[in-house]
Amino acid sequence: MERAALEREWFELTRDVLPGMAQTRGWPVFRDHCFQRICLDNLFGGVWYDFIRERPAYRALTEAQLHAAVALAREIAACRADLSELNSRSLSWRGKLAR
């Protein structure tokens, strides 16, 4: 898949599909930037901006990284990845979980 198509799918999943699913699934997040944070943090295994300084992040990702981020978003949309677990990891890396 070419990069432009990956970018379109990234935005379709994180801006439309996942936020649209959030209420019916009872997910802990519903805003597009939260889904992007969760996917990117879990892609890198830490806070994404510790790994990528450029903004916007999706443009700075390698094609392989973008493909992996899209794949994770697809897994969330298919309910094959546990969004609550992924969100908890992301928040933990950011020091935002109550201990």
C-alpha atoms as a PDB file:
ATOM      1  CA  MET A   1       0.000   0.000   0.000  1.00  0.00           C
ATOM      2  CA  GLU A   2       1.374   3.407  -0.906  1.00  0.00           C
ATOM      3  CA  ARG A   3       2.065   5.968   1.783  1.00  0.00           C
ATOM      4  CA  ALA A   4      -0.762   8.335   0.813  1.00  0.00           C
ATOM      5  CA  ALA A   5      -3.253   5.471   1.134  1.00  0.00           C
ATOM      6  CA  LEU A   6      -1.827   4.534   4.549  1.00  0.00           C
ATOM      7  CA  GLU A   7      -2.180   8.137   5.722  1.00  0.00           C
ATOM      8  CA  ARG A   8      -5.796   8.252   4.505  1.00  0.00           C
ATOM      9  CA  GLU A   9      -6.572   5.024   6.324  1.00  0.00           C
ATOM     10  CA  TRP A  10      -4.837   6.298   9.480  1.00  0.00           C
ATOM     11  CA  PHE A  11      -7.082   9.341   9.548  1.00  0.00           C
ATOM     12  CA  GLU A  12     -10.221   7.420   8.611  1.00  0.00           C
ATOM     13  CA  LEU A  13      -9.621   4.966  11.456  1.00  0.00           C
ATOM     14  CA  THR A  14      -8.534   7.461  14.116  1.00  0.00           C
ATOM     15  CA  ARG A  15     -10.842  10.350  13.205  1.00  0.00           C
ATOM     16  CA  ASP A  16     -13.995   8.508  12.140  1.00  0.00           C
ATOM     17  CA  VAL A  17     -14.145   4.749  12.709  1.00  0.00           C
ATOM     18  CA  LEU A  18     -12.757   4.457  16.246  1.00  0.00           C
ATOM     19  CA  PRO A  19     -14.453   7.568  17.680  1.00  0.00           C
ATOM     20  CA  GLY A  20     -17.683   6.334  16.107  1.00  0.00           C
ATOM     21  CA  MET A  21     -17.319   2.991  17.865  1.00  0.00           C
ATOM     22  CA  ALA A  22     -16.360   4.439  21.244  1.00  0.00           C
ATOM     23  CA  GLN A  23     -19.778   5.056  22.750  1.00  0.00           C
ATOM     24  CA  THR A  24     -21.326   1.740  21.767  1.00  0.00           C
ATOM     25  CA  ARG A  25     -18.256  -0.153  23.001  1.00  0.00           C
ATOM     26  CA  GLY A  26     -17.984   1.759  26.284  1.00  0.00           C
ATOM     27  CA  TRP A  27     -14.376   2.664  25.551  1.00  0.00           C
ATOM     28  CA  PRO A  28     -12.492   4.969  27.943  1.00  0.00           C
ATOM     29  CA  VAL A  29     -11.597   7.423  25.132  1.00  0.00           C
ATOM     30  CA  PHE A  30     -13.537   8.942  22.263  1.00  0.00           C
ATOM     31  CA  ARG A  31     -11.460  11.788  20.784  1.00  0.00           C
ATOM     32  CA  ASP A  32      -9.394  11.279  17.645  1.00  0.00           C
ATOM     33  CA  HIS A  33      -6.139  12.495  19.182  1.00  0.00           C
ATOM     34  CA  CYS A  34      -6.540   9.973  22.010  1.00  0.00           C
ATOM     35  CA  PHE A  35      -6.710   7.079  19.539  1.00  0.00           C
ATOM     36  CA  GLN A  36      -3.653   8.468  17.771  1.00  0.00           C
ATOM     37  CA  ARG A  37      -1.794   8.766  21.095  1.00  0.00           C
ATOM     38  CA  ILE A  38      -2.676   5.215  22.084  1.00  0.00           C
ATOM     39  CA  CYS A  39      -1.588   3.736  18.753  1.00  0.00           C
ATOM     40  CA  LEU A  40       1.642   5.712  18.538  1.00  0.00           C
ATOM     41  CA  ASP A  41       2.650   5.173  22.169  1.00  0.00           C
ATOM     42  CA  ASN A  42       2.088   1.439  21.837  1.00  0.00           C
ATOM     43  CA  LEU A  43       3.955   1.401  18.530  1.00  0.00           C
ATOM     44  CA  PHE A  44       7.053   2.804  20.219  1.00  0.00           C
ATOM     45  CA  GLY A  45       6.620   1.258  23.659  1.00  0.00           C
ATOM     46  CA  GLY A  46       6.671   4.677  25.295  1.00  0.00           C
ATOM     47  CA  VAL A  47       5.582   8.269  24.820  1.00  0.00           C
ATOM     48  CA  TRP A  48       5.708   8.735  21.047  1.00  0.00           C
ATOM     49  CA  TYR A  49       7.221  12.212  21.107  1.00  0.00           C
ATOM     50  CA  ASP A  50      10.256  10.829  22.955  1.00  0.00           C
ATOM     51  CA  PHE A  51      10.942   8.927  19.725  1.00  0.00           C
ATOM     52  CA  ILE A  52       9.741  11.402  17.086  1.00  0.00           C
ATOM     53  CA  ARG A  53      10.375  15.096  17.465  1.00  0.00           C
ATOM     54  CA  GLU A  54       8.795  16.279  14.214  1.00  0.00           C
ATOM     55  CA  ARG A  55       5.171  17.334  13.958  1.00  0.00           C
ATOM     56  CA  PRO A  56       2.807  16.126  12.757  1.00  0.00           C
ATOM     57  CA  ALA A  57       3.914  12.691  13.881  1.00  0.00           C
ATOM     58  CA  TYR A  58       2.324  10.723  11.054  1.00  0.00           C
ATOM     59  CA  ARG A  59       4.520  12.525   8.513  1.00  0.00           C
ATOM     60  CA  ALA A  60       7.678  11.718  10.466  1.00  0.00           C
ATOM     61  CA  LEU A  61       6.912   7.992  10.730  1.00  0.00           C
ATOM     62  CA  THR A  62       8.726   5.660   8.425  1.00  0.00           C
ATOM     63  CA  GLU A  63       6.459   3.789   6.058  1.00  0.00           C
ATOM     64  CA  ALA A  64       6.944   0.628   8.155  1.00  0.00           C
ATOM     65  CA  GLN A  65       6.014   2.502  11.343  1.00  0.00           C
ATOM     66  CA  LEU A  66       2.939   4.015   9.697  1.00  0.00           C
ATOM     67  CA  HIS A  67       1.919   0.586   8.457  1.00  0.00           C
ATOM     68  CA  ALA A  68       2.277  -0.796  12.011  1.00  0.00           C
ATOM     69  CA  ALA A  69       0.260   2.080  13.487  1.00  0.00           C
ATOM     70  CA  VAL A  70      -2.522   1.533  10.945  1.00  0.00           C
ATOM     71  CA  ALA A  71      -2.436  -2.211  11.651  1.00  0.00           C
ATOM     72  CA  LEU A  72      -2.891  -1.561  15.378  1.00  0.00           C
ATOM     73  CA  ALA A  73      -5.796   0.815  14.691  1.00  0.00           C
ATOM     74  CA  ARG A  74      -7.358  -1.922  12.532  1.00  0.00           C
ATOM     75  CA  GLU A  75      -6.929  -4.431  15.360  1.00  0.00           C
ATOM     76  CA  ILE A  76      -8.673  -2.050  17.766  1.00  0.00           C
ATOM     77  CA  ALA A  77     -11.513  -1.495  15.283  1.00  0.00           C
ATOM     78  CA  ALA A  78     -11.919  -5.267  14.879  1.00  0.00           C
ATOM     79  CA  CYS A  79     -11.923  -5.660  18.703  1.00  0.00           C
ATOM     80  CA  ARG A  80      -8.889  -7.949  18.479  1.00  0.00           C
ATOM     81  CA  ALA A  81      -6.802  -5.539  20.561  1.00  0.00           C
ATOM     82  CA  ASP A  82      -7.856  -4.450  24.050  1.00  0.00           C
ATOM     83  CA  LEU A  83      -8.212  -0.685  23.858  1.00  0.00           C
ATOM     84  CA  SER A  84      -8.470  -0.319  27.643  1.00  0.00           C
ATOM     85  CA  GLU A  85      -5.161  -2.168  28.097  1.00  0.00           C
ATOM     86  CA  LEU A  86      -3.460  -0.161  25.354  1.00  0.00           C
ATOM     87  CA  ASN A  87      -4.768   3.087  26.860  1.00  0.00           C
ATOM     88  CA  SER A  88      -3.592   2.084  30.342  1.00  0.00           C
ATOM     89  CA  ARG A  89      -0.087   1.384  29.019  1.00  0.00           C
ATOM     90  CA  SER A  90      -0.019   4.732  27.251  1.00  0.00           C
ATOM     91  CA  LEU A  91      -1.181   6.608  30.337  1.00  0.00           C
ATOM     92  CA  SER A  92       1.302   4.723  32.496  1.00  0.00           C
ATOM     93  CA  TRP A  93       4.207   5.721  30.235  1.00  0.00           C
ATOM     94  CA  ARG A  94       2.968   9.290  30.564  1.00  0.00           C
ATOM     95  CA  GLY A  95       2.738   9.118  34.367  1.00  0.00           C
ATOM     96  CA  LYS A  96      -1.018   9.718  34.253  1.00  0.00           C
ATOM     97  CA  LEU A  97      -2.305   6.615  36.036  1.00  0.00           C
ATOM     98  CA  ALA A  98      -3.213   6.821  39.693  1.00  0.00           C
ATOM     99  CA  ARG A  99      -1.110   4.409  41.681  1.00  0.00           C
END
